[in-house]
């Protein structure tokens, strides 16, 4: 049976509360359907490429027969002629969790005391805390792809860091797709819990090998809980295949004195949306949510944020920069909500974009929703083209046109790359974007 909603057997069907969540996800996805032009939250980013009936859920019997017909990856080679060796993800030490075509691979590293990492379905059976957190903060009636993800909730990772434990190495979640495998569909659900005073860095990396024009669909939901005084730095590189669809939602809850830093660089996919819904639940909670995107061709890349200041003395900051060429379209939707009791709150938001062609497009919708006095809030948006005088100056000194353009683009993106507080990670993103950021400025 094809299509986005299929009848499949999933692990954990003997757990009533889990099956109840899955059934609710199915019902709410059917009730909403795919977003259309009339769906306000998706008016600039319409998922046309998903309106088909040919997607194959990864890990099912249909996927296995599809693999036998088209790909011998597990035998070390593929009939398509491509080698499916995953890209080297990081240039520095990390705890690496690997997914291949949406299936979690075995974990073969030792963890410090107080840190638990295991497959989500295993944690559902073994960890009492999972039931208290999983799905509790996601309003599936307003997130159709989260509802679809919940309907298939099985694959993913559970990460828990106990009270006052600090990880010295990042946790890297590597999602690799063998992109010769046409029309695969994967739904990953990650549950991340930091208890009081815990500190961790988590990196998500989405990459592919094989045909760059292959078509597949990755649908990801992260549920993140940051306890009092805890700190999470969350970084993501999305570099999917040219015809891929990538939809991701991070639902984040931050408690008193908690700190959440995130950065996302989007480079690939035909249609991509990276969305964050962040609740600063208690006093002194902070969130720094920055992003960049570099797109060309006919791609549509969407960065959507919704930050709720629900208590006094909370802070948020957003800086998003885009570089758009060809017939591509960049979308930014950013909302800051200040609750009535959230006095002494600070929230800022800024989006800038470079348009490299006459056909490139930017749709920008910044919002402030303020219900409290004595707050400091700002938002802004700007777009433009490369400075012709600077290009002329460099070309007059013997620099070629393409090289001069790249120098200006590098300089433009350096500001947002430098918001990354972890220097190893910052340098990795700079390499991924082919940017020389110069000396560390943090």
Protein backbone atom coordinates (compact mmCIF):
# COMPACT_ATOMS: atom_id res chain seq x y z
CA UNK A 1 0.00 0.00 0.00
CA UNK A 2 1.61 3.29 -1.13
CA UNK A 3 1.15 6.86 0.05
CA UNK A 4 2.18 8.73 3.16
CA UNK A 5 -0.16 6.84 5.49
CA UNK A 6 0.26 3.08 5.24
CA UNK A 7 -0.87 0.07 7.25
CA UNK A 8 2.31 -1.44 8.69
CA UNK A 9 3.33 -3.51 11.69
CA UNK A 10 5.44 -1.56 14.18
CA UNK A 11 7.38 -2.64 17.24
CA UNK A 12 5.65 -1.76 20.49
CA UNK A 13 2.13 -2.53 19.30
CA UNK A 14 1.66 -4.39 22.60
CA UNK A 15 2.05 -1.14 24.60
CA UNK A 16 -1.40 0.49 24.95
CA UNK A 17 -0.25 4.08 25.56
CA UNK A 18 2.12 3.95 22.58
CA UNK A 19 -0.53 2.54 20.27
CA UNK A 20 -2.90 5.22 21.55
CA UNK A 21 -0.46 7.95 20.53
CA UNK A 22 0.07 6.36 17.12
CA UNK A 23 -3.66 6.12 16.50
CA UNK A 24 -4.14 9.75 17.53
CA UNK A 25 -1.38 10.72 15.10
CA UNK A 26 -3.07 8.84 12.27
CA UNK A 27 -6.43 10.45 13.01
CA UNK A 28 -5.04 13.99 13.22
CA UNK A 29 -2.99 13.61 10.05
CA UNK A 30 -6.04 12.36 8.14
CA UNK A 31 -8.11 15.21 9.56
CA UNK A 32 -5.59 17.84 8.42
CA UNK A 33 -4.08 16.27 5.34
CA UNK A 34 -1.10 17.90 3.68
CA UNK A 35 -0.80 21.69 4.06
CA UNK A 36 -2.14 23.75 1.18
CA UNK A 37 -2.04 27.40 0.11
CA UNK A 38 -4.87 28.01 2.59
CA UNK A 39 -2.79 26.73 5.51
CA UNK A 40 -1.43 29.95 7.00
CA UNK A 41 1.68 28.37 8.53
CA UNK A 42 2.57 26.82 5.15
CA UNK A 43 1.41 29.52 2.73
CA UNK A 44 4.96 30.07 1.38
CA UNK A 45 6.09 26.45 1.49
CA UNK A 46 3.70 24.04 -0.17
CA UNK A 47 4.69 20.35 -0.02
CA UNK A 48 3.66 19.53 -3.59
CA UNK A 49 6.28 16.80 -3.94
CA UNK A 50 4.51 14.73 -1.27
CA UNK A 51 1.15 14.62 -3.04
CA UNK A 52 1.83 11.20 -4.53
CA UNK A 53 1.24 7.56 -3.68
CA UNK A 54 4.66 6.07 -4.30
CA UNK A 55 6.60 6.48 -1.05
CA UNK A 56 7.92 3.34 0.64
CA UNK A 57 8.25 3.29 4.42
CA UNK A 58 11.80 2.33 5.31
CA UNK A 59 12.19 -0.97 7.18
CA UNK A 60 8.94 -2.52 5.89
CA UNK A 61 8.52 -5.65 3.78
CA UNK A 62 7.98 -3.48 0.72
CA UNK A 63 11.24 -1.68 1.44
CA UNK A 64 13.08 -5.00 1.79
CA UNK A 65 11.85 -6.21 -1.59
CA UNK A 66 12.70 -2.82 -3.05
CA UNK A 67 16.22 -3.20 -1.66
CA UNK A 68 16.62 -6.67 -3.11
CA UNK A 69 15.55 -5.38 -6.50
CA UNK A 70 17.60 -2.19 -6.58
CA UNK A 71 20.35 -2.24 -3.98
CA UNK A 72 22.81 -4.73 -2.52
CA UNK A 73 24.20 -2.24 0.00
CA UNK A 74 24.41 -4.79 2.81
CA UNK A 75 26.59 -6.98 0.59
CA UNK A 76 29.01 -4.06 0.22
CA UNK A 77 28.08 -2.84 -3.25
CA UNK A 78 25.05 -1.56 -5.14
CA UNK A 79 23.76 -2.42 -8.58
CA UNK A 80 23.29 1.28 -9.25
CA UNK A 81 27.09 1.54 -9.43
CA UNK A 82 27.47 3.90 -6.47
CA UNK A 83 29.49 3.25 -3.37
CA UNK A 84 27.44 3.81 -0.22
CA UNK A 85 30.13 4.68 2.26
CA UNK A 86 28.75 7.31 4.63
CA UNK A 87 30.46 10.66 4.56
CA UNK A 88 32.88 11.41 7.34
CA UNK A 89 30.73 13.50 9.64
CA UNK A 90 33.04 15.24 12.09
CA UNK A 91 36.69 16.14 12.26
CA UNK A 92 36.83 15.94 16.06
CA UNK A 93 35.93 13.30 18.70
CA UNK A 94 32.26 12.58 19.34
CA UNK A 95 29.81 9.90 20.44
CA UNK A 96 28.49 8.91 17.02
CA UNK A 97 24.98 7.52 16.54
CA UNK A 98 24.39 6.42 12.96
CA UNK A 99 21.19 5.96 10.99
CA UNK A 100 21.29 4.31 7.55
CA UNK A 101 18.17 4.90 5.45
CA UNK A 102 16.27 5.75 8.62
CA UNK A 103 17.37 2.64 10.56
CA UNK A 104 19.48 3.07 13.69
CA UNK A 105 22.74 1.11 13.66
CA UNK A 106 24.34 -0.58 16.66
CA UNK A 107 25.97 1.68 19.26
CA UNK A 108 29.58 0.63 19.89
CA UNK A 109 30.97 3.22 22.31
CA UNK A 110 31.13 3.54 26.07
CA UNK A 111 29.31 6.39 27.77
CA UNK A 112 30.18 8.32 30.93
CA UNK A 113 28.22 7.52 34.07
CA UNK A 114 24.91 9.34 34.13
CA UNK A 115 24.35 9.32 30.34
CA UNK A 116 21.91 6.99 28.60
CA UNK A 117 21.69 6.57 24.82
CA UNK A 118 19.60 3.84 23.26
CA UNK A 119 17.13 3.23 20.41
CA UNK A 120 13.81 4.93 21.09
CA UNK A 121 11.75 1.72 20.93
CA UNK A 122 14.13 0.06 23.38
CA UNK A 123 13.80 3.02 25.75
CA UNK A 124 10.00 2.84 25.50
CA UNK A 125 10.17 -0.69 26.88
CA UNK A 126 12.90 -0.07 29.47
CA UNK A 127 12.83 3.57 30.65
CA UNK A 128 9.92 4.70 32.84
CA UNK A 129 10.66 8.37 32.05
CA UNK A 130 9.77 7.99 28.37
CA UNK A 131 6.03 7.78 28.98
CA UNK A 132 6.16 11.03 30.99
CA UNK A 133 7.85 12.98 28.17
CA UNK A 134 7.13 11.46 24.76
CA UNK A 135 4.52 13.45 22.85
CA UNK A 136 3.51 15.58 25.83
CA UNK A 137 4.43 19.00 24.40
CA UNK A 138 3.52 18.59 20.71
CA UNK A 139 0.16 19.90 19.51
CA UNK A 140 -0.37 17.51 16.62
CA UNK A 141 -3.55 19.32 15.60
CA UNK A 142 -1.30 22.17 14.37
CA UNK A 143 1.66 20.13 13.13
CA UNK A 144 0.48 17.66 10.46
CA UNK A 145 3.94 16.21 9.83
CA UNK A 146 4.45 15.68 13.57
CA UNK A 147 1.13 13.80 13.53
CA UNK A 148 2.39 11.69 10.61
CA UNK A 149 5.65 11.09 12.47
CA UNK A 150 3.72 9.98 15.56
CA UNK A 151 1.67 7.54 13.50
CA UNK A 152 4.93 5.71 12.67
CA UNK A 153 6.76 6.37 15.96
CA UNK A 154 9.36 3.63 16.28
CA UNK A 155 12.79 4.61 14.92
CA UNK A 156 14.84 7.26 16.69
CA UNK A 157 17.13 7.76 19.64
CA UNK A 158 16.62 8.36 23.36
CA UNK A 159 19.24 10.54 25.06
CA UNK A 160 19.14 11.30 28.79
CA UNK A 161 21.77 13.20 30.76
CA UNK A 162 21.39 13.00 34.53
CA UNK A 163 21.64 15.81 37.05
CA UNK A 164 24.89 17.86 36.98
CA UNK A 165 26.53 15.60 34.39
CA UNK A 166 28.56 17.43 31.72
CA UNK A 167 29.53 15.69 28.49
CA UNK A 168 33.01 16.60 27.27
CA UNK A 169 32.40 15.32 23.72
CA UNK A 170 29.44 16.09 21.45
CA UNK A 171 26.79 13.50 20.62
CA UNK A 172 26.62 13.26 16.82
CA UNK A 173 23.43 11.89 15.23
CA UNK A 174 24.40 11.00 11.65
CA UNK A 175 21.53 10.37 9.24
CA UNK A 176 22.80 8.91 5.96
CA UNK A 177 20.59 8.03 2.99
CA UNK A 178 21.70 5.82 0.11
CA UNK A 179 20.16 8.16 -2.40
CA UNK A 180 19.91 5.68 -5.27
CA UNK A 181 17.02 4.15 -3.29
CA UNK A 182 14.05 5.96 -4.81
CA UNK A 183 11.01 7.17 -2.83
CA UNK A 184 12.04 5.94 0.61
CA UNK A 185 10.20 7.52 3.54
CA UNK A 186 11.68 7.66 7.06
CA UNK A 187 10.13 9.06 10.26
CA UNK A 188 12.66 9.63 13.03
CA UNK A 189 11.65 10.56 16.58
CA UNK A 190 14.35 11.69 19.01
CA UNK A 191 13.70 12.26 22.72
CA UNK A 192 16.38 14.31 24.52
CA UNK A 193 16.24 15.00 28.27
CA UNK A 194 18.74 17.07 30.25
CA UNK A 195 18.14 17.05 33.98
CA UNK A 196 18.99 19.92 36.34
CA UNK A 197 22.50 21.28 35.77
CA UNK A 198 23.35 18.89 32.92
CA UNK A 199 25.37 20.05 29.92
CA UNK A 200 25.60 18.51 26.45
CA UNK A 201 26.24 19.27 22.79
CA UNK A 202 24.22 17.45 20.13
CA UNK A 203 24.93 17.58 16.41
CA UNK A 204 22.56 16.37 13.69
CA UNK A 205 23.98 15.68 10.25
CA UNK A 206 21.84 14.69 7.26
CA UNK A 207 23.81 13.54 4.21
CA UNK A 208 23.47 11.15 1.28
CA UNK A 209 25.45 9.13 -1.26
CA UNK A 210 24.45 8.05 -4.74
CA UNK A 211 22.36 9.88 -7.31
CA UNK A 212 22.06 13.56 -6.32
CA UNK A 213 18.67 13.74 -8.06
CA UNK A 214 17.18 10.84 -6.10
CA UNK A 215 13.88 11.42 -4.37
CA UNK A 216 13.15 10.46 -0.76
CA UNK A 217 11.41 11.91 2.30
CA UNK A 218 12.86 12.39 5.78
CA UNK A 219 10.41 13.50 8.50
CA UNK A 220 12.05 14.25 11.85
CA UNK A 221 10.69 15.28 15.25
CA UNK A 222 12.96 16.18 18.17
CA UNK A 223 11.46 16.52 21.64
CA UNK A 224 13.91 18.34 23.89
CA UNK A 225 13.56 18.99 27.63
CA UNK A 226 16.11 21.24 29.34
CA UNK A 227 15.98 21.20 33.13
CA UNK A 228 16.76 23.99 35.59
CA UNK A 229 20.26 25.31 35.06
CA UNK A 230 20.92 22.86 32.23
CA UNK A 231 22.59 23.80 28.95
CA UNK A 232 22.12 22.23 25.52
CA UNK A 233 23.94 23.27 22.37
CA UNK A 234 22.14 21.82 19.37
CA UNK A 235 23.62 22.07 15.86
CA UNK A 236 22.35 20.75 12.55
CA UNK A 237 23.65 20.41 8.99
CA UNK A 238 21.05 19.50 6.37
CA UNK A 239 22.66 18.48 3.08
CA UNK A 240 20.13 16.16 1.43
CA UNK A 241 19.92 15.09 -2.21
CA UNK A 242 18.76 17.47 -4.92
CA UNK A 243 15.20 16.01 -5.13
CA UNK A 244 14.77 15.06 -1.47
CA UNK A 245 12.12 16.36 0.93
CA UNK A 246 13.23 17.17 4.47
CA UNK A 247 10.71 18.22 7.14
CA UNK A 248 11.90 18.69 10.74
CA UNK A 249 10.35 19.98 13.95
CA UNK A 250 12.23 20.60 17.20
CA UNK A 251 9.94 21.07 20.20
CA UNK A 252 11.98 22.53 23.04
CA UNK A 253 11.03 23.25 26.66
CA UNK A 254 13.47 25.27 28.80
CA UNK A 255 13.09 25.64 32.55
CA UNK A 256 14.55 28.17 35.02
CA UNK A 257 18.11 29.32 34.20
CA UNK A 258 18.21 26.79 31.39
CA UNK A 259 20.03 27.63 28.17
CA UNK A 260 19.38 26.43 24.63
CA UNK A 261 21.68 27.33 21.74
CA UNK A 262 20.90 26.11 18.24
CA UNK A 263 22.30 26.61 14.78
CA UNK A 264 21.09 25.06 11.53
CA UNK A 265 22.74 25.23 8.11
CA UNK A 266 20.52 24.10 5.23
CA UNK A 267 22.17 23.39 1.88
CA UNK A 268 20.29 20.56 0.19
CA UNK A 269 16.86 19.15 -0.68
CA UNK A 270 14.23 20.19 -3.18
CA UNK A 271 11.89 21.08 -0.34
CA UNK A 272 13.15 21.58 3.22
CA UNK A 273 11.60 23.03 6.35
CA UNK A 274 13.43 23.33 9.65
CA UNK A 275 10.98 24.43 12.34
CA UNK A 276 11.54 25.19 16.03
CA UNK A 277 8.88 25.67 18.69
CA UNK A 278 10.56 26.80 21.91
CA UNK A 279 8.91 27.50 25.26
CA UNK A 280 10.88 29.48 27.83
CA UNK A 281 8.80 28.19 30.70
CA UNK A 282 10.44 29.76 33.74
CA UNK A 283 12.48 32.80 34.79
CA UNK A 284 15.95 33.37 33.35
CA UNK A 285 15.44 30.79 30.60
CA UNK A 286 17.34 31.65 27.41
CA UNK A 287 17.36 30.58 23.78
CA UNK A 288 19.73 31.57 20.97
CA UNK A 289 18.29 30.24 17.69
CA UNK A 290 20.41 31.05 14.64
CA UNK A 291 20.48 29.65 11.12
CA UNK A 292 21.83 29.98 7.59
CA UNK A 293 20.82 28.60 4.21
CA UNK A 294 22.58 28.39 0.85
CA UNK A 295 20.38 27.27 -2.03
CA UNK A 296 20.21 27.22 -5.80
CA UNK A 297 18.28 25.53 -8.61
CA UNK A 298 14.55 25.20 -7.88
CA UNK A 299 14.84 24.46 -4.18
CA UNK A 300 12.54 25.83 -1.50
CA UNK A 301 14.08 26.08 1.97
CA UNK A 302 12.05 27.23 4.96
CA UNK A 303 13.24 28.33 8.40
CA UNK A 304 10.34 28.74 10.83
CA UNK A 305 10.65 29.64 14.52
CA UNK A 306 8.13 30.23 17.29
CA UNK A 307 9.58 31.30 20.65
CA UNK A 308 7.28 31.66 23.64
CA UNK A 309 8.40 33.79 26.59
CA UNK A 310 6.16 32.44 29.32
CA UNK A 311 7.91 33.86 32.39
CA UNK A 312 9.78 36.98 33.47
CA UNK A 313 13.44 37.77 32.76
CA UNK A 314 13.71 35.33 29.85
CA UNK A 315 15.80 36.06 26.75
CA UNK A 316 15.85 35.00 23.11
CA UNK A 317 17.94 35.98 20.11
CA UNK A 318 17.57 34.97 16.45
CA UNK A 319 19.80 35.70 13.48
CA UNK A 320 19.09 34.02 10.15
CA UNK A 321 21.00 34.67 6.91
CA UNK A 322 20.33 33.22 3.48
CA UNK A 323 22.02 33.11 0.08
CA UNK A 324 19.59 32.33 -2.75
CA UNK A 325 20.43 31.80 -6.41
CA UNK A 326 18.83 30.37 -9.55
CA UNK A 327 15.07 29.95 -9.27
CA UNK A 328 15.26 28.97 -5.61
CA UNK A 329 13.09 30.35 -2.83
CA UNK A 330 14.01 31.05 0.76
CA UNK A 331 11.34 31.34 3.45
CA UNK A 332 11.67 32.76 6.94
CA UNK A 333 8.81 32.85 9.43
CA UNK A 334 9.76 33.97 12.92
CA UNK A 335 7.43 34.63 15.84
CA UNK A 336 8.18 35.91 19.34
CA UNK A 337 5.34 35.62 21.84
CA UNK A 338 5.51 37.49 25.15
CA UNK A 339 2.99 36.25 27.75
CA UNK A 340 1.23 38.74 30.06
CA UNK A 341 3.46 37.92 33.05
CA UNK A 342 6.73 37.82 31.10
CA UNK A 343 8.05 41.23 32.21
CA UNK A 344 11.71 42.22 31.88
CA UNK A 345 11.92 39.93 28.85
CA UNK A 346 14.31 40.47 25.94
CA UNK A 347 13.67 39.11 22.46
CA UNK A 348 15.32 39.98 19.15
CA UNK A 349 14.94 38.62 15.65
CA UNK A 350 16.71 39.49 12.40
CA UNK A 351 16.61 37.92 8.93
CA UNK A 352 18.84 38.93 6.03
CA UNK A 353 19.14 37.45 2.55
CA UNK A 354 21.31 37.81 -0.52
CA UNK A 355 19.63 37.31 -3.90
CA UNK A 356 22.09 36.15 -6.54
CA UNK A 357 19.73 36.13 -9.54
CA UNK A 358 16.67 37.95 -10.83
CA UNK A 359 14.59 34.78 -10.43
CA UNK A 360 15.54 34.10 -6.78
CA UNK A 361 12.81 34.74 -4.23
CA UNK A 362 12.54 35.49 -0.50
CA UNK A 363 9.34 35.32 1.55
CA UNK A 364 9.74 36.74 5.04
CA UNK A 365 7.20 36.97 7.85
CA UNK A 366 8.58 38.24 11.19
CA UNK A 367 6.09 38.62 14.06
CA UNK A 368 6.02 40.08 17.55
CA UNK A 369 3.11 39.19 19.82
CA UNK A 370 3.50 41.17 23.06
CA UNK A 371 1.09 41.02 26.01
CA UNK A 372 3.39 42.48 28.70
CA UNK A 373 4.88 45.88 29.52
CA UNK A 374 8.51 46.59 30.33
CA UNK A 375 10.04 44.34 27.68
CA UNK A 376 12.76 44.82 25.04
CA UNK A 377 11.82 43.31 21.69
CA UNK A 378 12.86 43.92 18.11
CA UNK A 379 12.57 42.32 14.72
CA UNK A 380 13.81 43.14 11.27
CA UNK A 381 14.27 41.83 7.75
CA UNK A 382 16.37 42.89 4.78
CA UNK A 383 17.29 41.51 1.39
CA UNK A 384 19.53 42.67 -1.40
CA UNK A 385 22.17 41.72 -3.94
CA UNK A 386 25.94 41.62 -3.87
CA UNK A 387 27.54 45.04 -3.70
CA UNK A 388 28.52 45.97 -7.26
CA UNK A 389 31.07 48.55 -6.12
CA UNK A 390 32.87 45.97 -3.98
CA UNK A 391 32.81 43.50 -6.88
CA UNK A 392 34.24 46.15 -9.22
CA UNK A 393 36.95 47.03 -6.67
CA UNK A 394 38.10 43.41 -6.35
CA UNK A 395 37.95 42.75 -10.09
CA UNK A 396 40.01 45.90 -10.74
CA UNK A 397 42.72 44.29 -8.62
CA UNK A 398 42.84 41.10 -10.64
CA UNK A 399 40.34 38.92 -8.74
CA UNK A 400 38.06 36.92 -11.04
CA UNK A 401 34.32 37.56 -10.94
CA UNK A 402 33.32 34.21 -9.42
CA UNK A 403 36.08 34.37 -6.82
CA UNK A 404 35.07 37.92 -5.90
CA UNK A 405 31.45 36.87 -5.48
CA UNK A 406 32.49 33.99 -3.24
CA UNK A 407 34.60 36.29 -1.07
CA UNK A 408 31.59 38.56 -0.51
CA UNK A 409 29.30 35.61 0.24
CA UNK A 410 31.83 34.24 2.74
CA UNK A 411 32.07 37.59 4.48
CA UNK A 412 28.29 37.86 4.56
CA UNK A 413 27.78 34.45 6.22
CA UNK A 414 30.68 34.72 8.64
CA UNK A 415 28.60 36.75 11.11
CA UNK A 416 26.03 34.01 11.61
CA UNK A 417 28.57 31.15 11.54
CA UNK A 418 30.44 32.92 14.35
CA UNK A 419 27.40 32.71 16.63
CA UNK A 420 28.35 29.04 17.21
CA UNK A 421 30.01 28.95 20.63
CA UNK A 422 31.80 25.61 20.19
CA UNK A 423 34.91 26.34 18.15
CA UNK A 424 35.32 22.79 16.80
CA UNK A 425 31.73 22.81 15.60
CA UNK A 426 32.08 26.31 14.19
CA UNK A 427 35.09 25.27 12.12
CA UNK A 428 33.24 22.16 10.91
CA UNK A 429 30.32 24.30 9.70
CA UNK A 430 32.73 26.73 8.07
CA UNK A 431 34.30 23.84 6.16
CA UNK A 432 30.85 22.51 5.24
CA UNK A 433 29.86 25.89 3.85
CA UNK A 434 33.34 26.46 2.33
CA UNK A 435 33.70 29.61 4.40
CA UNK A 436 36.83 31.06 5.96
CA UNK A 437 35.58 32.79 9.11
CA UNK A 438 38.98 34.03 10.23
CA UNK A 439 39.90 34.16 13.87
CA UNK A 440 37.60 33.04 16.67
CA UNK A 441 35.54 35.99 17.88
CA UNK A 442 33.63 34.44 20.79
